[in-house]
N, C-alpha and C. Protein backbone atom coordinates (compact mmCIF):
# COMPACT_ATOMS: atom_id res chain seq x y z
N UNK A 1 12.47 38.45 -9.58
CA UNK A 1 11.62 37.60 -8.55
C UNK A 1 10.46 36.51 -9.20
N UNK A 2 10.46 35.46 -8.77
CA UNK A 2 9.57 34.45 -9.24
C UNK A 2 8.89 33.59 -8.45
N UNK A 3 7.96 32.84 -8.94
CA UNK A 3 7.15 31.86 -8.02
C UNK A 3 7.72 30.60 -8.34
N UNK A 4 7.82 29.75 -7.15
CA UNK A 4 8.24 28.41 -7.68
C UNK A 4 7.49 27.42 -6.53
N UNK A 5 7.30 26.03 -6.72
CA UNK A 5 6.91 25.42 -5.67
C UNK A 5 7.72 24.02 -5.56
N UNK A 6 7.75 23.77 -3.94
CA UNK A 6 8.73 22.74 -3.70
C UNK A 6 7.90 21.87 -2.67
N UNK A 7 8.41 20.76 -2.34
CA UNK A 7 7.96 19.71 -1.45
C UNK A 7 9.22 19.62 -0.38
N UNK A 8 8.91 18.98 0.67
CA UNK A 8 9.78 18.41 1.64
C UNK A 8 10.75 17.41 0.96
N UNK A 9 12.00 17.53 1.17
CA UNK A 9 12.89 16.48 0.49
C UNK A 9 13.62 17.09 -0.68
N UNK A 10 13.12 18.42 -1.13
CA UNK A 10 13.70 19.06 -2.27
C UNK A 10 14.88 19.77 -1.88
N UNK A 11 14.52 21.19 -2.01
CA UNK A 11 15.76 22.16 -1.76
C UNK A 11 15.81 22.61 -0.08
N UNK A 12 16.77 21.99 0.42
CA UNK A 12 16.94 22.31 2.05
C UNK A 12 17.20 23.63 2.09
N UNK A 13 17.78 24.53 1.17
CA UNK A 13 18.12 25.75 1.45
C UNK A 13 16.84 26.71 1.35
N UNK A 14 15.98 26.45 0.52
CA UNK A 14 14.65 27.22 0.42
C UNK A 14 13.85 26.72 1.38
N UNK A 15 13.72 25.49 1.99
CA UNK A 15 12.72 25.05 2.83
C UNK A 15 13.37 25.83 4.19
N UNK A 16 14.68 25.74 4.53
CA UNK A 16 15.09 26.54 5.76
C UNK A 16 14.79 28.06 5.77
N UNK A 17 14.94 28.74 4.40
CA UNK A 17 14.49 30.08 4.53
C UNK A 17 13.05 30.34 4.65
N UNK A 18 12.26 29.21 4.04
CA UNK A 18 10.76 29.61 4.22
C UNK A 18 10.46 29.41 5.69
N UNK A 19 10.86 28.32 6.53
CA UNK A 19 10.74 28.25 7.76
C UNK A 19 11.14 29.38 8.71
N UNK A 20 12.40 29.98 8.26
CA UNK A 20 12.70 31.17 8.91
C UNK A 20 11.76 32.54 8.72
N UNK A 21 11.25 32.57 7.38
CA UNK A 21 10.32 33.70 7.22
C UNK A 21 9.03 33.39 8.19
N UNK A 22 8.68 32.16 8.09
CA UNK A 22 7.50 32.04 8.93
C UNK A 22 7.81 32.18 10.37
N UNK A 23 8.71 31.82 11.11
CA UNK A 23 9.13 32.27 12.26
C UNK A 23 9.05 33.77 12.50
N UNK A 24 9.65 34.58 11.50
CA UNK A 24 9.68 36.10 11.57
C UNK A 24 8.45 36.89 11.59
N UNK A 25 7.41 36.13 10.62
CA UNK A 25 6.07 36.69 10.48
C UNK A 25 5.18 36.26 11.69
N UNK A 26 5.27 34.80 11.84
CA UNK A 26 4.09 34.46 12.83
C UNK A 26 4.40 34.57 14.17
N UNK A 27 5.57 34.31 14.45
CA UNK A 27 6.27 34.29 15.95
C UNK A 27 6.68 35.62 16.27
N UNK A 28 7.57 36.29 15.54
CA UNK A 28 8.01 37.79 15.50
C UNK A 28 7.08 38.76 15.70
N UNK A 29 6.47 38.84 14.34
CA UNK A 29 5.50 40.18 14.11
C UNK A 29 4.29 40.09 14.67
N UNK A 30 3.69 38.90 14.37
CA UNK A 30 2.24 38.71 14.88
C UNK A 30 2.05 38.16 16.04
N UNK A 31 3.26 37.69 16.68
CA UNK A 31 2.95 37.09 18.13
C UNK A 31 2.07 35.85 18.22
N UNK A 32 1.80 35.10 17.31
CA UNK A 32 0.87 33.88 17.17
C UNK A 32 1.60 32.89 18.23
N UNK A 33 0.75 32.03 18.70
CA UNK A 33 1.18 30.90 19.43
C UNK A 33 1.69 29.87 18.33
N UNK A 34 2.77 29.74 17.90
CA UNK A 34 3.52 28.84 17.08
C UNK A 34 4.58 28.28 17.73
N UNK A 35 5.11 27.26 17.44
CA UNK A 35 6.45 26.36 17.93
C UNK A 35 7.37 26.92 17.04
N UNK A 36 8.39 27.89 17.54
CA UNK A 36 9.48 28.36 16.67
C UNK A 36 10.72 27.90 17.34
N UNK A 37 11.87 27.35 16.83
CA UNK A 37 13.08 26.93 17.53
C UNK A 37 14.04 27.37 16.52
N UNK A 38 15.04 27.86 17.15
CA UNK A 38 16.07 28.39 16.52
C UNK A 38 15.77 29.09 15.19
N UNK A 39 14.87 30.07 15.47
CA UNK A 39 14.31 31.13 14.37
C UNK A 39 13.66 30.54 13.13
N UNK A 40 13.08 29.12 13.50
CA UNK A 40 12.49 28.48 12.37
C UNK A 40 10.94 28.04 12.81
N UNK A 41 9.93 28.02 12.28
CA UNK A 41 8.71 27.78 12.69
C UNK A 41 8.24 26.62 11.83
N UNK A 42 7.60 25.62 12.37
CA UNK A 42 6.95 24.57 11.50
C UNK A 42 6.05 23.97 12.59
N UNK A 43 5.14 23.08 11.97
CA UNK A 43 4.22 22.49 12.97
C UNK A 43 3.78 20.92 12.25
N UNK A 44 3.00 20.33 12.76
CA UNK A 44 2.50 18.86 12.58
C UNK A 44 2.05 18.92 11.09
N UNK A 45 1.28 19.97 10.44
CA UNK A 45 0.89 19.87 9.11
C UNK A 45 1.97 19.89 7.89
N UNK A 46 3.23 20.27 8.34
CA UNK A 46 4.48 20.14 7.66
C UNK A 46 4.86 18.87 7.17
N UNK A 47 4.45 17.50 8.09
CA UNK A 47 4.64 16.45 7.99
C UNK A 47 3.74 15.39 6.96
N UNK A 48 2.82 16.22 6.35
CA UNK A 48 1.84 15.65 5.61
C UNK A 48 1.95 15.89 4.00
N UNK A 49 3.20 15.88 3.58
CA UNK A 49 3.69 16.19 2.33
C UNK A 49 2.98 17.26 1.74
N UNK A 50 3.11 18.40 2.21
CA UNK A 50 2.44 19.48 1.52
C UNK A 50 3.21 19.95 0.28
N UNK A 51 2.65 20.86 -0.75
CA UNK A 51 3.27 21.60 -1.57
C UNK A 51 3.34 23.02 -0.96
N UNK A 52 4.93 23.67 -1.15
CA UNK A 52 4.87 24.94 -0.84
C UNK A 52 4.82 25.91 -1.93
N UNK A 53 4.30 26.92 -2.12
CA UNK A 53 4.14 27.78 -3.06
C UNK A 53 5.16 29.12 -2.50
N UNK A 54 6.22 29.45 -3.22
CA UNK A 54 7.16 30.36 -2.47
C UNK A 54 7.38 31.60 -3.52
N UNK A 55 7.56 32.83 -3.17
CA UNK A 55 8.31 33.79 -3.82
C UNK A 55 9.50 33.95 -3.65
N UNK A 56 10.59 33.83 -4.69
CA UNK A 56 11.92 33.90 -4.42
C UNK A 56 12.68 34.85 -5.14
N UNK A 57 13.57 35.74 -4.68
CA UNK A 57 14.54 36.58 -5.37
C UNK A 57 15.50 35.98 -5.95
N UNK A 58 15.99 36.65 -6.97
CA UNK A 58 17.29 36.22 -7.56
C UNK A 58 18.43 35.84 -6.93
N UNK A 59 18.35 36.07 -5.53
CA UNK A 59 19.35 35.69 -4.78
C UNK A 59 18.86 34.56 -4.17
N UNK A 60 17.77 33.95 -4.11
CA UNK A 60 17.11 32.64 -3.72
C UNK A 60 16.67 32.87 -2.27
N UNK A 61 16.38 34.31 -1.94
CA UNK A 61 15.82 34.58 -0.86
C UNK A 61 14.19 34.32 -0.79
N UNK A 62 13.79 33.82 0.12
CA UNK A 62 12.25 33.44 0.33
C UNK A 62 11.47 34.77 1.04
N UNK A 63 10.64 35.28 -0.02
CA UNK A 63 10.11 36.43 0.67
C UNK A 63 8.44 36.40 0.63
N UNK A 64 8.01 35.04 0.21
CA UNK A 64 6.45 34.75 0.59
C UNK A 64 6.44 33.43 0.43
N UNK A 65 5.46 32.87 1.16
CA UNK A 65 5.15 31.26 1.23
C UNK A 65 3.70 31.00 1.41
N UNK A 66 3.29 29.92 1.15
CA UNK A 66 1.94 29.32 1.47
C UNK A 66 2.15 27.90 1.13
N UNK A 67 1.31 27.11 2.14
CA UNK A 67 1.45 25.69 2.31
C UNK A 67 0.23 25.16 1.84
N UNK A 68 0.18 24.34 0.97
CA UNK A 68 -1.03 23.84 0.20
C UNK A 68 -1.28 22.33 0.71
N UNK A 69 -2.52 21.72 1.08
CA UNK A 69 -2.70 20.44 1.21
C UNK A 69 -3.97 19.96 0.70
N UNK A 70 -4.30 18.64 0.39
CA UNK A 70 -5.50 18.49 -0.05
C UNK A 70 -6.54 18.42 1.07
N UNK A 71 -7.73 19.10 0.51
CA UNK A 71 -8.78 19.54 1.44
C UNK A 71 -9.37 18.23 2.02
N UNK A 72 -9.40 17.05 1.35
CA UNK A 72 -10.02 16.00 2.05
C UNK A 72 -9.17 15.25 2.90
N UNK A 73 -7.87 15.54 2.90
CA UNK A 73 -6.90 14.93 3.89
C UNK A 73 -6.94 15.51 5.22
N UNK A 74 -5.97 15.57 6.09
CA UNK A 74 -5.86 16.14 7.57
C UNK A 74 -5.34 17.67 7.11
N UNK A 75 -6.28 18.69 7.66
CA UNK A 75 -6.04 19.86 7.38
C UNK A 75 -6.21 20.84 8.67
N UNK A 76 -5.68 21.87 8.66
CA UNK A 76 -5.84 22.76 9.90
C UNK A 76 -7.39 23.12 10.05
N UNK A 77 -8.10 23.31 9.13
CA UNK A 77 -9.50 23.47 9.37
C UNK A 77 -10.42 22.71 9.89
N UNK A 78 -10.13 21.37 9.44
CA UNK A 78 -10.72 20.06 10.03
C UNK A 78 -10.24 19.88 11.27
N UNK A 79 -8.91 20.06 11.43
CA UNK A 79 -8.51 19.31 12.95
C UNK A 79 -8.30 20.41 13.85
N UNK A 80 -8.10 21.80 13.65
CA UNK A 80 -7.58 22.60 14.64
C UNK A 80 -8.88 23.75 14.70
N UNK A 81 -9.48 24.05 13.62
CA UNK A 81 -10.45 25.02 13.61
C UNK A 81 -12.01 24.71 13.00
N UNK A 82 -12.37 23.61 13.37
CA UNK A 82 -13.74 23.23 12.86
C UNK A 82 -14.75 23.97 13.13
N UNK A 83 -14.70 24.79 14.17
CA UNK A 83 -15.59 25.54 14.87
C UNK A 83 -16.01 26.84 14.02
N UNK A 84 -15.00 27.21 13.14
CA UNK A 84 -15.03 28.11 12.27
C UNK A 84 -16.24 27.98 10.91
N UNK A 85 -16.57 26.68 10.78
CA UNK A 85 -17.44 26.44 9.85
C UNK A 85 -18.97 26.33 10.17
N UNK A 86 -19.70 27.02 9.84
CA UNK A 86 -20.93 26.99 10.03
C UNK A 86 -21.83 27.01 8.86
N UNK A 87 -21.39 27.15 7.80
CA UNK A 87 -21.98 26.78 6.68
C UNK A 87 -22.57 25.19 6.35
N UNK A 88 -23.67 24.85 6.43
CA UNK A 88 -23.93 23.48 6.41
C UNK A 88 -23.85 22.90 5.15
N UNK A 89 -24.01 24.12 4.15
CA UNK A 89 -23.58 23.30 2.61
C UNK A 89 -22.11 23.09 2.44
N UNK A 90 -21.16 23.49 3.10
CA UNK A 90 -19.84 23.27 2.86
C UNK A 90 -19.41 21.69 3.14
N UNK A 91 -18.87 21.37 1.85
CA UNK A 91 -18.09 19.93 2.14
C UNK A 91 -16.74 20.00 1.11
N UNK A 92 -15.72 19.55 1.64
CA UNK A 92 -14.26 19.33 1.11
C UNK A 92 -14.71 18.41 -0.30
N UNK A 93 -13.95 18.19 -0.98
CA UNK A 93 -13.73 17.70 -2.22
C UNK A 93 -12.47 17.43 -2.85
N UNK A 94 -12.36 16.60 -3.99
CA UNK A 94 -11.06 16.22 -4.40
C UNK A 94 -10.20 17.21 -5.29
N UNK A 95 -11.11 18.50 -5.62
CA UNK A 95 -10.57 19.45 -6.35
C UNK A 95 -10.52 20.52 -5.57
N UNK A 96 -10.50 20.35 -4.35
CA UNK A 96 -10.30 21.66 -3.44
C UNK A 96 -8.85 21.41 -2.47
N UNK A 97 -8.11 22.58 -2.38
CA UNK A 97 -6.80 22.46 -1.69
C UNK A 97 -7.04 23.63 -0.39
N UNK A 98 -6.39 23.06 0.64
CA UNK A 98 -6.25 24.04 1.83
C UNK A 98 -4.92 24.94 1.90
N UNK A 99 -5.20 26.11 2.07
CA UNK A 99 -4.14 26.95 2.03
C UNK A 99 -3.76 27.39 3.51
N UNK A 100 -2.51 27.35 3.81
CA UNK A 100 -2.18 27.88 5.20
C UNK A 100 -0.78 28.13 5.32
N UNK A 101 -0.40 28.92 6.56
CA UNK A 101 0.67 29.65 6.73
C UNK A 101 1.15 30.50 5.46
N UNK A 102 0.29 31.33 5.25
CA UNK A 102 0.47 32.13 3.91
C UNK A 102 1.12 33.60 4.78
N UNK A 103 2.17 33.79 4.08
CA UNK A 103 2.70 35.26 4.61
C UNK A 103 3.71 35.80 3.53
N UNK A 104 4.27 36.81 3.56
CA UNK A 104 5.12 37.65 2.91
C UNK A 104 5.85 38.60 3.69
N UNK A 105 7.09 38.89 3.24
CA UNK A 105 8.18 39.69 3.94
C UNK A 105 7.70 41.03 3.54
N UNK A 106 6.89 41.91 4.29
CA UNK A 106 6.64 43.24 3.87
C UNK A 106 7.68 44.25 3.93
N UNK A 107 8.71 43.83 4.47
CA UNK A 107 9.70 44.95 4.65
C UNK A 107 10.63 44.93 3.34
N UNK A 108 10.30 44.33 2.53
CA UNK A 108 11.32 44.34 1.05
C UNK A 108 10.42 44.70 0.10
N UNK A 109 8.94 44.69 0.09
CA UNK A 109 8.17 45.08 -0.93
C UNK A 109 7.83 46.24 -1.41
N UNK A 110 7.33 46.63 -2.56
CA UNK A 110 6.85 47.80 -2.95
C UNK A 110 5.37 47.60 -2.97
N UNK A 111 4.47 48.71 -3.05
CA UNK A 111 3.20 48.75 -3.06
C UNK A 111 2.67 49.31 -4.34
N UNK A 112 1.72 48.83 -5.05
CA UNK A 112 1.17 49.41 -6.42
C UNK A 112 0.18 50.29 -6.07
N UNK A 113 -0.67 50.43 -7.25
CA UNK A 113 -1.81 51.60 -7.22
C UNK A 113 -2.95 51.12 -6.50
N UNK A 114 -2.98 49.77 -6.18
CA UNK A 114 -4.15 49.42 -5.28
C UNK A 114 -4.03 49.30 -3.77
N UNK A 115 -2.68 49.58 -3.48
CA UNK A 115 -2.06 49.54 -2.03
C UNK A 115 -1.54 48.17 -1.62
N UNK A 116 -1.54 47.32 -2.69
CA UNK A 116 -1.07 45.94 -2.12
C UNK A 116 0.20 45.80 -2.54
N UNK A 117 1.03 44.97 -1.80
CA UNK A 117 2.34 44.86 -1.95
C UNK A 117 2.55 43.84 -3.19
N UNK A 118 3.54 44.22 -3.87
CA UNK A 118 3.94 43.39 -5.05
C UNK A 118 4.18 41.89 -4.89
N UNK A 119 4.72 41.53 -3.58
CA UNK A 119 4.84 39.99 -3.44
C UNK A 119 3.53 39.42 -3.08
N UNK A 120 2.57 40.27 -2.43
CA UNK A 120 1.23 39.63 -2.11
C UNK A 120 0.66 39.20 -3.38
N UNK A 121 0.62 40.06 -4.49
CA UNK A 121 -0.09 39.64 -5.58
C UNK A 121 0.55 38.66 -6.22
N UNK A 122 1.91 38.49 -6.18
CA UNK A 122 2.80 37.44 -6.94
C UNK A 122 2.38 36.14 -6.25
N UNK A 123 2.18 36.05 -4.92
CA UNK A 123 1.73 34.93 -4.16
C UNK A 123 0.39 34.57 -4.63
N UNK A 124 -0.59 35.47 -4.53
CA UNK A 124 -2.01 35.18 -4.92
C UNK A 124 -1.83 34.31 -6.19
N UNK A 125 -1.27 35.04 -7.31
CA UNK A 125 -1.52 34.50 -8.69
C UNK A 125 -0.48 33.17 -8.54
N UNK A 126 0.46 33.03 -7.76
CA UNK A 126 1.24 31.71 -7.79
C UNK A 126 0.20 30.61 -7.26
N UNK A 127 -0.42 30.83 -6.17
CA UNK A 127 -1.38 29.62 -5.93
C UNK A 127 -2.48 29.31 -6.92
N UNK A 128 -2.88 30.56 -7.48
CA UNK A 128 -3.89 30.30 -8.48
C UNK A 128 -3.40 29.51 -9.58
N UNK A 129 -2.21 29.87 -10.00
CA UNK A 129 -1.62 29.08 -11.24
C UNK A 129 -1.39 27.72 -10.75
N UNK A 130 -0.89 27.37 -9.82
CA UNK A 130 -0.64 26.09 -9.35
C UNK A 130 -1.93 25.32 -9.17
N UNK A 131 -2.70 25.73 -8.60
CA UNK A 131 -4.18 25.03 -8.63
C UNK A 131 -4.83 24.73 -10.16
N UNK A 132 -4.70 25.93 -10.76
CA UNK A 132 -5.11 25.66 -12.10
C UNK A 132 -4.56 24.59 -13.13
N UNK A 133 -3.16 24.54 -12.79
CA UNK A 133 -2.53 23.58 -13.54
C UNK A 133 -2.81 22.12 -12.97
N UNK A 134 -3.39 22.10 -11.98
CA UNK A 134 -3.66 20.64 -11.52
C UNK A 134 -5.14 20.47 -11.40
N UNK A 135 -5.78 20.96 -11.70
CA UNK A 135 -7.31 21.03 -11.88
C UNK A 135 -8.21 21.26 -10.72
N UNK A 136 -7.62 21.91 -9.80
CA UNK A 136 -8.41 22.40 -8.51
C UNK A 136 -9.11 23.59 -9.03
N UNK A 137 -10.45 23.58 -8.26
CA UNK A 137 -11.35 24.59 -8.59
C UNK A 137 -11.76 25.59 -7.41
N UNK A 138 -11.16 25.17 -6.20
CA UNK A 138 -11.34 25.91 -4.82
C UNK A 138 -10.32 26.00 -3.88
N UNK A 139 -10.03 27.04 -3.16
CA UNK A 139 -9.01 27.01 -2.24
C UNK A 139 -9.68 27.42 -0.81
N UNK A 140 -9.59 26.42 0.27
CA UNK A 140 -10.30 26.75 1.40
C UNK A 140 -9.03 27.24 2.44
N UNK A 141 -9.34 28.08 3.33
CA UNK A 141 -8.49 28.73 4.29
C UNK A 141 -9.01 29.35 5.59
N UNK A 142 -8.28 29.26 6.38
CA UNK A 142 -8.39 30.12 7.79
C UNK A 142 -7.62 31.37 7.71
N UNK A 143 -8.14 32.47 7.80
CA UNK A 143 -7.34 33.80 7.87
C UNK A 143 -8.11 34.70 8.96
N UNK A 144 -7.71 36.13 8.76
CA UNK A 144 -8.10 37.13 9.57
C UNK A 144 -8.85 38.09 8.57
N UNK A 145 -9.38 39.10 9.40
CA UNK A 145 -9.85 40.27 8.64
C UNK A 145 -8.99 40.86 7.76
N UNK A 146 -7.74 40.99 8.17
CA UNK A 146 -6.81 41.96 7.22
C UNK A 146 -6.50 41.17 5.97
N UNK A 147 -6.38 39.81 5.99
CA UNK A 147 -6.16 39.13 4.71
C UNK A 147 -7.34 39.03 4.16
N UNK A 148 -8.58 38.93 4.43
CA UNK A 148 -9.78 39.05 3.85
C UNK A 148 -9.91 40.26 2.93
N UNK A 149 -9.66 41.32 3.48
CA UNK A 149 -9.54 42.76 2.91
C UNK A 149 -8.71 42.60 1.90
N UNK A 150 -7.51 42.17 1.97
CA UNK A 150 -6.41 42.35 1.04
C UNK A 150 -6.73 41.34 -0.28
N UNK A 151 -7.44 40.37 0.05
CA UNK A 151 -8.01 39.75 -0.93
C UNK A 151 -8.94 40.26 -1.84
N UNK A 152 -9.74 40.81 -1.13
CA UNK A 152 -11.01 41.73 -1.98
C UNK A 152 -10.42 42.68 -2.81
N UNK A 153 -9.33 43.36 -2.36
CA UNK A 153 -8.76 44.36 -2.92
C UNK A 153 -7.81 43.89 -4.26
N UNK A 154 -7.61 42.56 -4.07
CA UNK A 154 -6.77 42.10 -5.29
C UNK A 154 -7.52 41.46 -6.09
N UNK A 155 -8.87 41.46 -5.95
CA UNK A 155 -9.95 40.87 -6.81
C UNK A 155 -10.20 39.29 -6.89
N UNK A 156 -9.86 38.86 -5.43
CA UNK A 156 -10.12 37.45 -5.19
C UNK A 156 -10.96 37.29 -4.02
N UNK A 157 -12.24 37.46 -4.13
CA UNK A 157 -12.89 37.46 -2.97
C UNK A 157 -13.09 36.16 -2.14
N UNK A 158 -13.44 36.46 -1.05
CA UNK A 158 -13.35 35.17 0.07
C UNK A 158 -14.97 34.89 0.39
N UNK A 159 -15.70 33.79 0.05
CA UNK A 159 -16.72 33.61 0.50
C UNK A 159 -16.65 32.77 2.03
N UNK A 160 -17.26 33.70 3.00
CA UNK A 160 -17.13 32.98 4.21
C UNK A 160 -17.96 31.86 4.57
N UNK A 161 -17.39 30.93 5.41
CA UNK A 161 -17.99 29.77 5.86
C UNK A 161 -18.71 29.79 7.21
N UNK A 162 -18.53 31.02 7.84
CA UNK A 162 -19.31 31.35 9.33
C UNK A 162 -18.69 32.60 9.52
N UNK A 163 -19.41 33.13 10.83
CA UNK A 163 -18.82 34.44 11.33
C UNK A 163 -17.54 34.64 11.81
N UNK A 164 -16.89 35.72 11.67
CA UNK A 164 -15.49 35.92 12.44
C UNK A 164 -15.65 35.40 13.93
N UNK A 165 -14.56 34.85 14.48
CA UNK A 165 -14.56 34.55 15.80
C UNK A 165 -13.37 34.77 16.43
N UNK A 166 -13.33 34.93 17.87
CA UNK A 166 -12.03 35.12 18.41
C UNK A 166 -11.24 33.71 18.69
N UNK A 167 -9.95 33.81 18.09
CA UNK A 167 -9.23 32.67 18.30
C UNK A 167 -7.95 33.20 18.94
N UNK A 168 -7.70 32.83 20.18
CA UNK A 168 -6.60 33.42 20.72
C UNK A 168 -6.53 34.96 21.20
N UNK A 169 -5.55 35.73 20.59
CA UNK A 169 -5.66 37.06 20.76
C UNK A 169 -6.33 37.73 19.72
N UNK A 170 -6.67 37.03 18.44
CA UNK A 170 -7.02 37.52 17.33
C UNK A 170 -8.46 37.26 16.75
N UNK A 171 -8.78 37.70 15.68
CA UNK A 171 -10.12 37.42 14.96
C UNK A 171 -9.71 36.44 13.85
N UNK A 172 -10.43 35.19 13.50
CA UNK A 172 -10.41 34.36 12.69
C UNK A 172 -11.72 34.23 11.85
N UNK A 173 -11.37 33.62 10.66
CA UNK A 173 -12.73 33.09 9.79
C UNK A 173 -12.01 32.29 8.97
N UNK A 174 -13.14 31.29 8.57
CA UNK A 174 -12.72 30.42 7.59
C UNK A 174 -13.60 30.77 6.07
N UNK A 175 -12.93 30.42 5.01
CA UNK A 175 -13.87 30.80 3.80
C UNK A 175 -13.08 30.18 2.51
N UNK A 176 -13.68 30.15 1.56
CA UNK A 176 -13.62 29.42 0.43
C UNK A 176 -13.20 30.59 -0.83
N UNK A 177 -12.09 30.17 -1.62
CA UNK A 177 -11.70 31.02 -2.74
C UNK A 177 -11.85 30.33 -3.89
N UNK A 178 -12.60 31.06 -4.87
CA UNK A 178 -12.76 30.11 -6.34
C UNK A 178 -11.59 30.29 -7.15
N UNK A 179 -11.40 29.33 -7.99
CA UNK A 179 -10.26 29.28 -8.82
C UNK A 179 -10.49 29.27 -10.28
N UNK A 180 -10.37 29.97 -10.94
CA UNK A 180 -10.40 30.06 -12.35
C UNK A 180 -9.51 31.05 -13.24
N UNK A 181 -9.51 30.88 -14.48
CA UNK A 181 -8.59 31.68 -15.22
C UNK A 181 -8.77 33.17 -15.22
N UNK A 182 -10.15 33.55 -15.12
CA UNK A 182 -10.63 34.86 -15.29
C UNK A 182 -9.90 35.73 -13.77
N UNK A 183 -10.19 35.02 -12.71
CA UNK A 183 -9.55 35.56 -11.43
C UNK A 183 -7.99 35.55 -11.74
N UNK A 184 -7.21 34.69 -12.31
CA UNK A 184 -5.99 34.52 -12.23
C UNK A 184 -5.27 35.84 -13.14
N UNK A 185 -5.99 36.10 -14.33
CA UNK A 185 -5.88 37.07 -14.92
C UNK A 185 -5.83 38.40 -14.19
N UNK A 186 -6.93 38.38 -13.42
CA UNK A 186 -7.22 39.55 -12.71
C UNK A 186 -6.19 39.98 -11.51
N UNK A 187 -5.81 38.87 -10.99
CA UNK A 187 -5.10 38.91 -9.71
C UNK A 187 -3.50 39.21 -10.13
N UNK A 188 -2.85 38.63 -11.18
CA UNK A 188 -1.39 38.46 -11.43
C UNK A 188 -1.14 39.71 -11.66
N UNK A 189 -0.05 40.09 -11.01
CA UNK A 189 0.95 41.41 -11.43
C UNK A 189 1.53 41.67 -12.60
N UNK A 190 1.78 42.90 -12.89
CA UNK A 190 2.63 42.89 -14.39
C UNK A 190 3.90 42.10 -14.28
N UNK A 191 4.48 41.68 -15.23
CA UNK A 191 5.68 40.98 -15.08
C UNK A 191 5.91 39.69 -14.42
N UNK A 192 4.62 39.14 -14.03
CA UNK A 192 4.59 38.00 -13.21
C UNK A 192 5.30 36.64 -14.17
N UNK A 193 6.29 36.06 -12.82
CA UNK A 193 7.13 34.90 -13.74
C UNK A 193 6.77 33.81 -12.71
N UNK A 194 6.95 32.57 -13.14
CA UNK A 194 6.92 31.45 -12.27
C UNK A 194 7.49 30.34 -13.08
N UNK A 195 7.99 29.23 -11.97
CA UNK A 195 8.74 28.14 -12.65
C UNK A 195 7.80 26.95 -12.17
N UNK A 196 6.49 27.01 -12.11
CA UNK A 196 5.66 26.10 -11.71
C UNK A 196 5.48 25.09 -12.61
N UNK A 197 5.58 25.17 -14.15
CA UNK A 197 5.45 24.15 -15.05
C UNK A 197 6.70 23.29 -14.86
N UNK A 198 7.85 23.56 -14.14
CA UNK A 198 8.75 22.57 -13.88
C UNK A 198 8.79 22.10 -12.85
N UNK A 199 7.73 22.30 -11.81
CA UNK A 199 7.53 21.52 -10.64
C UNK A 199 7.28 20.02 -10.74
N UNK A 200 7.99 19.32 -10.18
CA UNK A 200 7.79 17.80 -10.05
C UNK A 200 7.50 17.56 -8.51
N UNK A 201 7.77 16.00 -8.49
CA UNK A 201 7.43 15.41 -7.04
C UNK A 201 8.46 16.00 -5.97
N UNK A 202 9.75 16.29 -6.63
CA UNK A 202 10.78 16.53 -5.77
C UNK A 202 11.06 18.01 -5.73
N UNK A 203 10.36 18.83 -6.96
CA UNK A 203 10.72 20.22 -6.88
C UNK A 203 12.11 20.66 -7.55
N UNK A 204 12.06 21.83 -7.71
CA UNK A 204 13.38 22.71 -8.22
C UNK A 204 14.48 22.64 -7.24
N UNK A 205 15.56 22.49 -7.50
CA UNK A 205 16.68 22.77 -6.56
C UNK A 205 17.69 23.75 -6.83
N UNK A 206 18.19 24.56 -5.74
CA UNK A 206 18.98 25.57 -5.80
C UNK A 206 20.62 25.32 -5.49
N UNK A 207 21.67 25.90 -5.79
CA UNK A 207 23.04 25.63 -5.44
C UNK A 207 23.49 26.63 -4.56
N UNK A 208 22.78 27.71 -4.07
CA UNK A 208 23.53 28.66 -3.42
C UNK A 208 22.99 28.59 -2.00
């Protein structure tokens, strides 16, 4: 299993499997109010040229994903959840990205000693490695209490931008994650592998 990064217009197979995973998690498991059609979930922010960090098995099954967008552009935080930011010192900048639609397939994972699933650690490390390779220093995200706790256990603490608020049927919060090599070394699991150094504008392709 390894981490890769792709964009729209690259691997149609991996993109389709990623959108299927998102539908399985956000629509099926979590019951979020998302637009899922034909077992695939996507939204407006998928049209803004994001980078997708994926955890992919040897059979090219997508078992983890996250969507990254420039924090100074159109983001979910600024457009959908601005009420979650109450830290008056917060401002986006060119070396910050927004992570959204983070999810993993917990049905195929194993847990480590920390109680975290292996793919979860892979995904955290993949996001960190991609950010480090492009000079980004921070990740901003909207998440829930469960993911905040998981980040803390992984050694990647979230700095809250405001209190937890009710959003729909759940509790949500916005926060910032620091990006540096020390955190990457702490978060990445044993045997971590990625193809992020091969990432280009069109990303890698697969044939199966």
